[in-house]
């Protein structure tokens, strides 16, 4: 499997990347043991840090939380090199989230700076970095606020986009990749919380278990999921399976979930292997740049690497 991992990594590094794509790619490199490659990506996220503190910004970027996915790799670069420019850049990113970024009425970080919207993607982008950066209480608060607005209780899954100005969903679909962002984001927060916050950790493990249980109801016979989990008229999508598998393998390995979940994760992983082509592209994921159809994407490459890193 090592050669396939290398091929997928190479294809990922050949892709153009927006801020969150740079961040998740660097995270995947860290967890896969590619230390030097991760530092290279972290460095360029700092090169492209804007005046507000957002890392990895390209063009007229509206996203608020996406840039924070680079925060953990930038801190990693500081720890590996001792270069203070990385620590200063991470501190500036944290300061943006804590004191500058727009928020909704309940205090949740808005996903964009021109509308009062919360997206399920933000579970992964901001709270894990806040926890790593020394602000675990704020990380927990943000997860709770996101859940308050996005969780569709009767389904046990999250809608995609909440419009806080109009107090309604702009997109209520239970997007597979979106719920994958939530599951993987919970994993990354849980593993970072200090022992003094064990009550929060246990509560979040419950959130993760409930979310996975709800999503697994929609796993297909082939191991994959539809783009919108509970809508079989949407295309069959690859990345949600990788994200859920990463979350399950991580949680079982950490002792948060029992081993009964592994059979579902193994089916996902087996199905994904058949989606990797000779060039290393993971096919059939929510495709760049609009993520509304089947294609290829940096995050699809990254979550293959993340899944493989914890599957052994």
C-alpha atoms as a PDB file:
ATOM      1  CA  UNK A   1       0.000   0.000   0.000  1.00  0.00           C
ATOM      2  CA  UNK A   2       3.013   2.284   0.463  1.00  0.00           C
ATOM      3  CA  UNK A   3       3.421   2.818  -3.286  1.00  0.00           C
ATOM      4  CA  UNK A   4      -0.236   3.771  -3.623  1.00  0.00           C
ATOM      5  CA  UNK A   5       0.111   6.240  -0.751  1.00  0.00           C
ATOM      6  CA  UNK A   6       3.129   7.811  -2.478  1.00  0.00           C
ATOM      7  CA  UNK A   7       1.234   8.064  -5.751  1.00  0.00           C
ATOM      8  CA  UNK A   8      -1.796   9.663  -4.098  1.00  0.00           C
ATOM      9  CA  UNK A   9       0.493  12.105  -2.277  1.00  0.00           C
ATOM     10  CA  UNK A  10       2.218  13.102  -5.511  1.00  0.00           C
ATOM     11  CA  UNK A  11      -1.107  13.737  -7.229  1.00  0.00           C
ATOM     12  CA  UNK A  12      -2.228  15.832  -4.246  1.00  0.00           C
ATOM     13  CA  UNK A  13       0.878  18.000  -4.357  1.00  0.00           C
ATOM     14  CA  UNK A  14       0.290  18.621  -8.062  1.00  0.00           C
ATOM     15  CA  UNK A  15      -3.124  20.159  -7.418  1.00  0.00           C
ATOM     16  CA  UNK A  16      -3.893  23.871  -7.107  1.00  0.00           C
ATOM     17  CA  UNK A  17      -5.026  24.643  -3.576  1.00  0.00           C
ATOM     18  CA  UNK A  18      -7.226  27.117  -1.732  1.00  0.00           C
ATOM     19  CA  UNK A  19      -6.598  27.873   1.949  1.00  0.00           C
ATOM     20  CA  UNK A  20      -8.402  24.874   3.461  1.00  0.00           C
ATOM     21  CA  UNK A  21      -6.990  22.567   0.808  1.00  0.00           C
ATOM     22  CA  UNK A  22      -3.471  23.664   1.740  1.00  0.00           C
ATOM     23  CA  UNK A  23      -4.284  23.011   5.385  1.00  0.00           C
ATOM     24  CA  UNK A  24      -5.831  19.575   5.054  1.00  0.00           C
ATOM     25  CA  UNK A  25      -3.060  18.518   2.666  1.00  0.00           C
ATOM     26  CA  UNK A  26      -0.429  19.570   5.203  1.00  0.00           C
ATOM     27  CA  UNK A  27      -2.294  17.784   7.997  1.00  0.00           C
ATOM     28  CA  UNK A  28      -2.341  14.603   5.919  1.00  0.00           C
ATOM     29  CA  UNK A  29       1.395  14.899   5.325  1.00  0.00           C
ATOM     30  CA  UNK A  30       2.041  15.286   9.054  1.00  0.00           C
ATOM     31  CA  UNK A  31      -0.015  12.232   9.987  1.00  0.00           C
ATOM     32  CA  UNK A  32       1.585  10.205   7.187  1.00  0.00           C
ATOM     33  CA  UNK A  33       5.104  11.010   8.395  1.00  0.00           C
ATOM     34  CA  UNK A  34       6.084  13.366   5.562  1.00  0.00           C
ATOM     35  CA  UNK A  35       7.573  15.966   7.895  1.00  0.00           C
ATOM     36  CA  UNK A  36       9.593  17.983   5.393  1.00  0.00           C
ATOM     37  CA  UNK A  37       6.733  18.135   2.880  1.00  0.00           C
ATOM     38  CA  UNK A  38       4.393  19.357   5.625  1.00  0.00           C
ATOM     39  CA  UNK A  39       6.787  22.148   6.566  1.00  0.00           C
ATOM     40  CA  UNK A  40       6.982  23.249   2.919  1.00  0.00           C
ATOM     41  CA  UNK A  41       3.189  23.604   2.737  1.00  0.00           C
ATOM     42  CA  UNK A  42       3.047  25.342   6.111  1.00  0.00           C
ATOM     43  CA  UNK A  43       5.680  27.815   4.950  1.00  0.00           C
ATOM     44  CA  UNK A  44       3.643  28.895   1.947  1.00  0.00           C
ATOM     45  CA  UNK A  45       0.518  29.254   4.104  1.00  0.00           C
ATOM     46  CA  UNK A  46       2.529  31.823   6.078  1.00  0.00           C
ATOM     47  CA  UNK A  47       3.744  33.491   2.868  1.00  0.00           C
ATOM     48  CA  UNK A  48       0.074  33.935   1.951  1.00  0.00           C
ATOM     49  CA  UNK A  49      -1.137  35.116   5.371  1.00  0.00           C
ATOM     50  CA  UNK A  50      -3.217  38.287   5.014  1.00  0.00           C
ATOM     51  CA  UNK A  51      -3.250  41.310   7.311  1.00  0.00           C
ATOM     52  CA  UNK A  52      -6.174  39.990   9.347  1.00  0.00           C
ATOM     53  CA  UNK A  53      -4.261  36.818  10.206  1.00  0.00           C
ATOM     54  CA  UNK A  54      -5.861  34.297   7.852  1.00  0.00           C
ATOM     55  CA  UNK A  55      -3.327  31.775   6.567  1.00  0.00           C
ATOM     56  CA  UNK A  56      -2.959  30.564   2.998  1.00  0.00           C
ATOM     57  CA  UNK A  57      -5.263  33.151   1.443  1.00  0.00           C
ATOM     58  CA  UNK A  58      -5.522  33.213  -2.348  1.00  0.00           C
ATOM     59  CA  UNK A  59      -7.359  35.977  -4.163  1.00  0.00           C
ATOM     60  CA  UNK A  60     -10.477  37.636  -2.757  1.00  0.00           C
ATOM     61  CA  UNK A  61     -11.198  34.890  -0.264  1.00  0.00           C
ATOM     62  CA  UNK A  62     -14.464  35.229   1.686  1.00  0.00           C
ATOM     63  CA  UNK A  63     -13.935  32.257   3.984  1.00  0.00           C
ATOM     64  CA  UNK A  64     -13.434  32.902   7.691  1.00  0.00           C
ATOM     65  CA  UNK A  65     -12.651  29.499   9.181  1.00  0.00           C
ATOM     66  CA  UNK A  66     -11.032  27.687   6.228  1.00  0.00           C
ATOM     67  CA  UNK A  67      -7.679  29.378   6.745  1.00  0.00           C
ATOM     68  CA  UNK A  68      -7.448  27.978  10.284  1.00  0.00           C
ATOM     69  CA  UNK A  69      -6.879  24.478   8.894  1.00  0.00           C
ATOM     70  CA  UNK A  70      -3.329  25.692   8.239  1.00  0.00           C
ATOM     71  CA  UNK A  71      -2.814  26.591  11.893  1.00  0.00           C
ATOM     72  CA  UNK A  72      -1.843  23.135  13.105  1.00  0.00           C
ATOM     73  CA  UNK A  73       0.723  22.614  10.299  1.00  0.00           C
ATOM     74  CA  UNK A  74       2.192  26.068  10.960  1.00  0.00           C
ATOM     75  CA  UNK A  75       2.561  25.239  14.663  1.00  0.00           C
ATOM     76  CA  UNK A  76       4.103  21.922  13.637  1.00  0.00           C
ATOM     77  CA  UNK A  77       6.611  23.801  11.460  1.00  0.00           C
ATOM     78  CA  UNK A  78       7.541  25.959  14.453  1.00  0.00           C
ATOM     79  CA  UNK A  79       8.002  22.910  16.684  1.00  0.00           C
ATOM     80  CA  UNK A  80      10.164  21.180  14.078  1.00  0.00           C
ATOM     81  CA  UNK A  81      12.323  24.158  13.102  1.00  0.00           C
ATOM     82  CA  UNK A  82      12.231  26.529  16.062  1.00  0.00           C
ATOM     83  CA  UNK A  83      11.631  29.369  13.597  1.00  0.00           C
ATOM     84  CA  UNK A  84       9.604  32.021  15.412  1.00  0.00           C
ATOM     85  CA  UNK A  85       7.963  33.288  12.219  1.00  0.00           C
ATOM     86  CA  UNK A  86       5.736  30.203  12.320  1.00  0.00           C
ATOM     87  CA  UNK A  87       4.738  30.718  15.944  1.00  0.00           C
ATOM     88  CA  UNK A  88       3.926  34.381  15.280  1.00  0.00           C
ATOM     89  CA  UNK A  89       1.856  33.436  12.239  1.00  0.00           C
ATOM     90  CA  UNK A  90      -0.122  30.825  14.215  1.00  0.00           C
ATOM     91  CA  UNK A  91      -0.737  33.315  17.022  1.00  0.00           C
ATOM     92  CA  UNK A  92      -2.035  35.823  14.479  1.00  0.00           C
ATOM     93  CA  UNK A  93      -4.393  33.188  13.050  1.00  0.00           C
ATOM     94  CA  UNK A  94      -5.701  32.397  16.539  1.00  0.00           C
ATOM     95  CA  UNK A  95      -6.153  36.081  17.322  1.00  0.00           C
ATOM     96  CA  UNK A  96      -8.257  36.456  14.172  1.00  0.00           C
ATOM     97  CA  UNK A  97     -10.609  33.656  15.242  1.00  0.00           C
ATOM     98  CA  UNK A  98     -10.828  34.859  18.831  1.00  0.00           C
ATOM     99  CA  UNK A  99     -11.184  38.606  18.344  1.00  0.00           C
ATOM    100  CA  UNK A 100     -11.770  39.638  14.726  1.00  0.00           C
ATOM    101  CA  UNK A 101     -13.757  37.017  12.826  1.00  0.00           C
ATOM    102  CA  UNK A 102     -17.493  37.648  12.383  1.00  0.00           C
ATOM    103  CA  UNK A 103     -19.860  35.562  14.500  1.00  0.00           C
ATOM    104  CA  UNK A 104     -23.506  34.628  14.558  1.00  0.00           C
ATOM    105  CA  UNK A 105     -25.996  35.564  17.251  1.00  0.00           C
ATOM    106  CA  UNK A 106     -25.070  32.525  19.371  1.00  0.00           C
ATOM    107  CA  UNK A 107     -21.336  33.240  19.045  1.00  0.00           C
ATOM    108  CA  UNK A 108     -20.536  30.664  16.373  1.00  0.00           C
ATOM    109  CA  UNK A 109     -17.847  31.644  13.903  1.00  0.00           C
ATOM    110  CA  UNK A 110     -19.361  32.610  10.584  1.00  0.00           C
ATOM    111  CA  UNK A 111     -18.007  30.550   7.705  1.00  0.00           C
ATOM    112  CA  UNK A 112     -17.785  33.566   5.392  1.00  0.00           C
ATOM    113  CA  UNK A 113     -17.175  37.259   5.994  1.00  0.00           C
ATOM    114  CA  UNK A 114     -19.897  38.688   3.748  1.00  0.00           C
ATOM    115  CA  UNK A 115     -22.894  36.688   5.026  1.00  0.00           C
ATOM    116  CA  UNK A 116     -23.991  35.484   8.464  1.00  0.00           C
ATOM    117  CA  UNK A 117     -23.728  31.792   7.639  1.00  0.00           C
ATOM    118  CA  UNK A 118     -22.487  28.720   9.489  1.00  0.00           C
ATOM    119  CA  UNK A 119     -21.281  25.798   7.370  1.00  0.00           C
ATOM    120  CA  UNK A 120     -20.740  22.267   8.613  1.00  0.00           C
ATOM    121  CA  UNK A 121     -17.223  22.429   7.110  1.00  0.00           C
ATOM    122  CA  UNK A 122     -16.221  24.711   9.994  1.00  0.00           C
ATOM    123  CA  UNK A 123     -16.289  21.800  12.486  1.00  0.00           C
ATOM    124  CA  UNK A 124     -13.007  20.696  10.943  1.00  0.00           C
ATOM    125  CA  UNK A 125     -11.435  24.039  10.108  1.00  0.00           C
ATOM    126  CA  UNK A 126     -11.475  26.052  13.340  1.00  0.00           C
ATOM    127  CA  UNK A 127     -12.045  24.053  16.582  1.00  0.00           C
ATOM    128  CA  UNK A 128      -9.140  21.593  16.115  1.00  0.00           C
ATOM    129  CA  UNK A 129      -6.707  24.474  15.627  1.00  0.00           C
ATOM    130  CA  UNK A 130      -8.130  26.404  18.575  1.00  0.00           C
ATOM    131  CA  UNK A 131      -7.604  23.337  20.767  1.00  0.00           C
ATOM    132  CA  UNK A 132      -4.021  22.808  19.591  1.00  0.00           C
ATOM    133  CA  UNK A 133      -3.249  26.529  19.900  1.00  0.00           C
ATOM    134  CA  UNK A 134      -4.082  26.569  23.611  1.00  0.00           C
ATOM    135  CA  UNK A 135      -7.731  27.614  23.514  1.00  0.00           C
ATOM    136  CA  UNK A 136      -9.565  24.333  24.214  1.00  0.00           C
ATOM    137  CA  UNK A 137     -12.501  26.011  25.954  1.00  0.00           C
ATOM    138  CA  UNK A 138     -13.202  28.080  22.836  1.00  0.00           C
ATOM    139  CA  UNK A 139     -12.821  24.981  20.679  1.00  0.00           C
ATOM    140  CA  UNK A 140     -15.493  23.232  22.750  1.00  0.00           C
ATOM    141  CA  UNK A 141     -17.735  26.301  22.677  1.00  0.00           C
ATOM    142  CA  UNK A 142     -17.530  26.513  18.892  1.00  0.00           C
ATOM    143  CA  UNK A 143     -18.424  22.838  18.434  1.00  0.00           C
ATOM    144  CA  UNK A 144     -21.463  23.295  20.696  1.00  0.00           C
ATOM    145  CA  UNK A 145     -22.556  26.409  18.801  1.00  0.00           C
ATOM    146  CA  UNK A 146     -22.159  24.733  15.419  1.00  0.00           C
ATOM    147  CA  UNK A 147     -24.219  21.751  16.607  1.00  0.00           C
ATOM    148  CA  UNK A 148     -26.908  24.036  17.994  1.00  0.00           C
ATOM    149  CA  UNK A 149     -27.422  25.579  14.566  1.00  0.00           C
ATOM    150  CA  UNK A 150     -26.676  22.696  12.197  1.00  0.00           C
ATOM    151  CA  UNK A 151     -27.800  19.439  13.827  1.00  0.00           C
ATOM    152  CA  UNK A 152     -31.075  18.100  12.407  1.00  0.00           C
ATOM    153  CA  UNK A 153     -32.092  16.161  15.492  1.00  0.00           C
ATOM    154  CA  UNK A 154     -34.635  13.858  13.882  1.00  0.00           C
ATOM    155  CA  UNK A 155     -31.934  12.688  11.443  1.00  0.00           C
ATOM    156  CA  UNK A 156     -28.962  12.778  13.793  1.00  0.00           C
ATOM    157  CA  UNK A 157     -26.953  14.460  11.031  1.00  0.00           C
ATOM    158  CA  UNK A 158     -25.997  18.020  10.159  1.00  0.00           C
ATOM    159  CA  UNK A 159     -27.449  20.239   7.480  1.00  0.00           C
ATOM    160  CA  UNK A 160     -24.890  21.987   5.319  1.00  0.00           C
ATOM    161  CA  UNK A 161     -25.454  25.773   5.536  1.00  0.00           C
ATOM    162  CA  UNK A 162     -27.342  27.738   8.220  1.00  0.00           C
ATOM    163  CA  UNK A 163     -28.394  31.319   7.468  1.00  0.00           C
ATOM    164  CA  UNK A 164     -28.298  33.046  10.839  1.00  0.00           C
ATOM    165  CA  UNK A 165     -29.731  36.301   9.533  1.00  0.00           C
ATOM    166  CA  UNK A 166     -32.905  34.564   8.382  1.00  0.00           C
ATOM    167  CA  UNK A 167     -32.803  31.769  10.988  1.00  0.00           C
ATOM    168  CA  UNK A 168     -33.183  29.008   8.436  1.00  0.00           C
ATOM    169  CA  UNK A 169     -31.086  26.624   6.390  1.00  0.00           C
ATOM    170  CA  UNK A 170     -29.815  27.864   3.061  1.00  0.00           C
ATOM    171  CA  UNK A 171     -28.962  24.226   2.411  1.00  0.00           C
ATOM    172  CA  UNK A 172     -30.470  21.651   4.736  1.00  0.00           C
ATOM    173  CA  UNK A 173     -29.101  18.658   2.806  1.00  0.00           C
ATOM    174  CA  UNK A 174     -27.191  16.157   4.929  1.00  0.00           C
ATOM    175  CA  UNK A 175     -24.137  16.352   2.702  1.00  0.00           C
ATOM    176  CA  UNK A 176     -21.887  13.336   3.131  1.00  0.00           C
ATOM    177  CA  UNK A 177     -18.594  15.221   2.992  1.00  0.00           C
ATOM    178  CA  UNK A 178     -20.022  17.875   5.324  1.00  0.00           C
ATOM    179  CA  UNK A 179     -20.868  15.278   7.951  1.00  0.00           C
ATOM    180  CA  UNK A 180     -17.423  13.826   7.286  1.00  0.00           C
ATOM    181  CA  UNK A 181     -15.913  17.212   8.141  1.00  0.00           C
ATOM    182  CA  UNK A 182     -17.912  17.171  11.379  1.00  0.00           C
ATOM    183  CA  UNK A 183     -16.866  13.635  12.344  1.00  0.00           C
ATOM    184  CA  UNK A 184     -13.188  14.191  11.550  1.00  0.00           C
ATOM    185  CA  UNK A 185     -13.262  17.574  13.264  1.00  0.00           C
ATOM    186  CA  UNK A 186     -14.647  15.982  16.426  1.00  0.00           C
ATOM    187  CA  UNK A 187     -11.847  13.397  16.334  1.00  0.00           C
ATOM    188  CA  UNK A 188      -9.207  16.103  16.081  1.00  0.00           C
ATOM    189  CA  UNK A 189     -10.719  18.106  18.948  1.00  0.00           C
ATOM    190  CA  UNK A 190     -11.267  15.114  21.248  1.00  0.00           C
ATOM    191  CA  UNK A 191      -7.685  13.918  20.942  1.00  0.00           C
ATOM    192  CA  UNK A 192      -6.338  17.379  21.826  1.00  0.00           C
ATOM    193  CA  UNK A 193      -8.465  18.259  24.874  1.00  0.00           C
ATOM    194  CA  UNK A 194      -6.519  18.212  28.163  1.00  0.00           C
ATOM    195  CA  UNK A 195      -7.329  15.784  30.967  1.00  0.00           C
ATOM    196  CA  UNK A 196      -8.929  18.643  32.901  1.00  0.00           C
ATOM    197  CA  UNK A 197     -11.657  18.658  30.220  1.00  0.00           C
ATOM    198  CA  UNK A 198     -12.492  14.947  30.364  1.00  0.00           C
ATOM    199  CA  UNK A 199     -16.204  15.690  30.769  1.00  0.00           C
ATOM    200  CA  UNK A 200     -16.171  17.610  27.488  1.00  0.00           C
ATOM    201  CA  UNK A 201     -14.156  14.835  25.873  1.00  0.00           C
ATOM    202  CA  UNK A 202     -16.679  12.186  26.935  1.00  0.00           C
ATOM    203  CA  UNK A 203     -19.579  14.315  25.692  1.00  0.00           C
ATOM    204  CA  UNK A 204     -17.879  14.806  22.331  1.00  0.00           C
ATOM    205  CA  UNK A 205     -17.206  11.080  22.044  1.00  0.00           C
ATOM    206  CA  UNK A 206     -20.953  10.652  22.434  1.00  0.00           C
ATOM    207  CA  UNK A 207     -21.541  13.218  19.691  1.00  0.00           C
ATOM    208  CA  UNK A 208     -19.143  11.353  17.421  1.00  0.00           C
ATOM    209  CA  UNK A 209     -20.747   7.985  18.110  1.00  0.00           C
ATOM    210  CA  UNK A 210     -24.246   9.317  17.503  1.00  0.00           C
ATOM    211  CA  UNK A 211     -23.202  11.019  14.273  1.00  0.00           C
ATOM    212  CA  UNK A 212     -21.461   7.943  12.909  1.00  0.00           C
ATOM    213  CA  UNK A 213     -24.406   5.731  13.855  1.00  0.00           C
ATOM    214  CA  UNK A 214     -26.757   8.045  11.960  1.00  0.00           C
ATOM    215  CA  UNK A 215     -24.532   8.255   8.879  1.00  0.00           C
ATOM    216  CA  UNK A 216     -23.769   4.523   8.753  1.00  0.00           C
ATOM    217  CA  UNK A 217     -27.449   3.817   8.193  1.00  0.00           C
ATOM    218  CA  UNK A 218     -26.890   5.098   4.664  1.00  0.00           C
ATOM    219  CA  UNK A 219     -23.778   3.096   3.770  1.00  0.00           C
ATOM    220  CA  UNK A 220     -24.326   1.336   0.461  1.00  0.00           C
ATOM    221  CA  UNK A 221     -23.638  -2.326  -0.234  1.00  0.00           C
ATOM    222  CA  UNK A 222     -20.468  -1.317  -2.069  1.00  0.00           C
ATOM    223  CA  UNK A 223     -19.181   0.464   1.052  1.00  0.00           C
ATOM    224  CA  UNK A 224     -19.654   4.023  -0.256  1.00  0.00           C
ATOM    225  CA  UNK A 225     -22.294   6.725   0.314  1.00  0.00           C
ATOM    226  CA  UNK A 226     -24.395   9.042  -1.789  1.00  0.00           C
ATOM    227  CA  UNK A 227     -23.349  12.688  -2.001  1.00  0.00           C
ATOM    228  CA  UNK A 228     -26.371  13.622   0.118  1.00  0.00           C
ATOM    229  CA  UNK A 229     -26.468  10.751   2.562  1.00  0.00           C
ATOM    230  CA  UNK A 230     -30.222  10.186   2.677  1.00  0.00           C
ATOM    231  CA  UNK A 231     -30.864  10.958  -0.991  1.00  0.00           C
ATOM    232  CA  UNK A 232     -30.114   7.991  -3.263  1.00  0.00           C
ATOM    233  CA  UNK A 233     -30.871  10.150  -6.309  1.00  0.00           C
ATOM    234  CA  UNK A 234     -27.543  11.970  -5.729  1.00  0.00           C
ATOM    235  CA  UNK A 235     -24.276  10.624  -7.128  1.00  0.00           C
ATOM    236  CA  UNK A 236     -22.221   7.957  -5.386  1.00  0.00           C
ATOM    237  CA  UNK A 237     -19.338   9.788  -3.710  1.00  0.00           C
ATOM    238  CA  UNK A 238     -15.940   8.564  -2.488  1.00  0.00           C
ATOM    239  CA  UNK A 239     -14.606  11.060   0.045  1.00  0.00           C
ATOM    240  CA  UNK A 240     -17.300  10.709   2.719  1.00  0.00           C
ATOM    241  CA  UNK A 241     -16.286   7.054   3.054  1.00  0.00           C
ATOM    242  CA  UNK A 242     -12.647   8.048   3.567  1.00  0.00           C
ATOM    243  CA  UNK A 243     -13.616  10.673   6.153  1.00  0.00           C
ATOM    244  CA  UNK A 244     -15.839   8.290   8.108  1.00  0.00           C
ATOM    245  CA  UNK A 245     -13.211   5.549   7.901  1.00  0.00           C
ATOM    246  CA  UNK A 246     -10.542   7.939   9.201  1.00  0.00           C
ATOM    247  CA  UNK A 247     -12.847   8.903  12.064  1.00  0.00           C
ATOM    248  CA  UNK A 248     -13.705   5.309  12.955  1.00  0.00           C
ATOM    249  CA  UNK A 249     -10.137   3.995  12.787  1.00  0.00           C
ATOM    250  CA  UNK A 250      -8.928   6.929  14.900  1.00  0.00           C
ATOM    251  CA  UNK A 251     -11.681   6.498  17.485  1.00  0.00           C
ATOM    252  CA  UNK A 252     -11.319   2.724  17.808  1.00  0.00           C
ATOM    253  CA  UNK A 253      -7.535   3.016  18.102  1.00  0.00           C
ATOM    254  CA  UNK A 254      -7.973   5.613  20.862  1.00  0.00           C
ATOM    255  CA  UNK A 255     -10.501   3.443  22.702  1.00  0.00           C
ATOM    256  CA  UNK A 256     -13.426   5.825  22.203  1.00  0.00           C
ATOM    257  CA  UNK A 257     -15.449   3.383  20.077  1.00  0.00           C
ATOM    258  CA  UNK A 258     -15.589  -0.398  20.242  1.00  0.00           C
ATOM    259  CA  UNK A 259     -14.231  -2.634  17.522  1.00  0.00           C
ATOM    260  CA  UNK A 260     -17.667  -3.387  16.064  1.00  0.00           C
ATOM    261  CA  UNK A 261     -17.333  -0.223  13.965  1.00  0.00           C
ATOM    262  CA  UNK A 262     -14.288  -1.558  12.127  1.00  0.00           C
ATOM    263  CA  UNK A 263     -16.252  -3.753   9.723  1.00  0.00           C
ATOM    264  CA  UNK A 264     -18.005  -0.680   8.305  1.00  0.00           C
ATOM    265  CA  UNK A 265     -14.711   1.205   8.046  1.00  0.00           C
ATOM    266  CA  UNK A 266     -13.009  -1.753   6.365  1.00  0.00           C
ATOM    267  CA  UNK A 267     -15.773  -1.868   3.731  1.00  0.00           C
ATOM    268  CA  UNK A 268     -15.276   1.844   3.080  1.00  0.00           C
ATOM    269  CA  UNK A 269     -11.529   1.464   2.772  1.00  0.00           C
ATOM    270  CA  UNK A 270     -11.824  -1.505   0.424  1.00  0.00           C
ATOM    271  CA  UNK A 271     -14.222   0.407  -1.823  1.00  0.00           C
ATOM    272  CA  UNK A 272     -11.930   3.434  -1.905  1.00  0.00           C
ATOM    273  CA  UNK A 273      -8.905   1.414  -3.046  1.00  0.00           C
ATOM    274  CA  UNK A 274     -10.711   0.694  -6.315  1.00  0.00           C
ATOM    275  CA  UNK A 275     -11.208   4.441  -6.863  1.00  0.00           C
ATOM    276  CA  UNK A 276      -7.486   5.259  -7.041  1.00  0.00           C
ATOM    277  CA  UNK A 277      -6.243   5.385 -10.634  1.00  0.00           C
ATOM    278  CA  UNK A 278      -2.750   4.876 -12.034  1.00  0.00           C
ATOM    279  CA  UNK A 279      -1.919   8.570 -11.627  1.00  0.00           C
ATOM    280  CA  UNK A 280      -2.863   8.536  -7.948  1.00  0.00           C
ATOM    281  CA  UNK A 281      -6.099  10.466  -8.379  1.00  0.00           C
ATOM    282  CA  UNK A 282      -8.839   9.405  -5.971  1.00  0.00           C
ATOM    283  CA  UNK A 283     -11.784   9.371  -8.338  1.00  0.00           C
ATOM    284  CA  UNK A 284     -15.443  10.012  -7.591  1.00  0.00           C
ATOM    285  CA  UNK A 285     -14.990  12.484  -4.742  1.00  0.00           C
ATOM    286  CA  UNK A 286     -16.866  15.786  -4.550  1.00  0.00           C
ATOM    287  CA  UNK A 287     -14.882  17.492  -7.266  1.00  0.00           C
ATOM    288  CA  UNK A 288     -13.066  20.811  -7.305  1.00  0.00           C
ATOM    289  CA  UNK A 289     -13.737  23.624  -7.819  1.00  0.00           C
ATOM    290  CA  UNK A 290     -17.495  23.674  -7.073  1.00  0.00           C
ATOM    291  CA  UNK A 291     -17.870  20.351  -5.175  1.00  0.00           C
ATOM    292  CA  UNK A 292     -21.289  19.739  -6.712  1.00  0.00           C
ATOM    293  CA  UNK A 293     -20.348  16.794  -8.906  1.00  0.00           C
ATOM    294  CA  UNK A 294     -18.104  13.756  -9.071  1.00  0.00           C
ATOM    295  CA  UNK A 295     -14.455  14.523  -9.748  1.00  0.00           C
ATOM    296  CA  UNK A 296     -11.082  14.966  -8.024  1.00  0.00           C
ATOM    297  CA  UNK A 297     -10.046  17.301  -5.203  1.00  0.00           C
ATOM    298  CA  UNK A 298      -7.175  17.972  -2.838  1.00  0.00           C
ATOM    299  CA  UNK A 299      -9.310  17.017   0.157  1.00  0.00           C
ATOM    300  CA  UNK A 300     -10.119  13.699  -1.508  1.00  0.00           C
ATOM    301  CA  UNK A 301      -6.409  12.994  -1.829  1.00  0.00           C
ATOM    302  CA  UNK A 302      -5.701  14.165   1.712  1.00  0.00           C
ATOM    303  CA  UNK A 303      -8.330  12.011   3.344  1.00  0.00           C
ATOM    304  CA  UNK A 304      -7.024   8.950   1.528  1.00  0.00           C
ATOM    305  CA  UNK A 305      -3.665   9.644   3.188  1.00  0.00           C
ATOM    306  CA  UNK A 306      -5.304  10.341   6.563  1.00  0.00           C
ATOM    307  CA  UNK A 307      -7.339   7.132   6.344  1.00  0.00           C
ATOM    308  CA  UNK A 308      -4.297   5.051   5.430  1.00  0.00           C
ATOM    309  CA  UNK A 309      -2.224   6.603   8.216  1.00  0.00           C
ATOM    310  CA  UNK A 310      -4.581   5.277  10.904  1.00  0.00           C
ATOM    311  CA  UNK A 311      -5.790   2.083   9.227  1.00  0.00           C
ATOM    312  CA  UNK A 312      -2.751   0.020  10.249  1.00  0.00           C
END
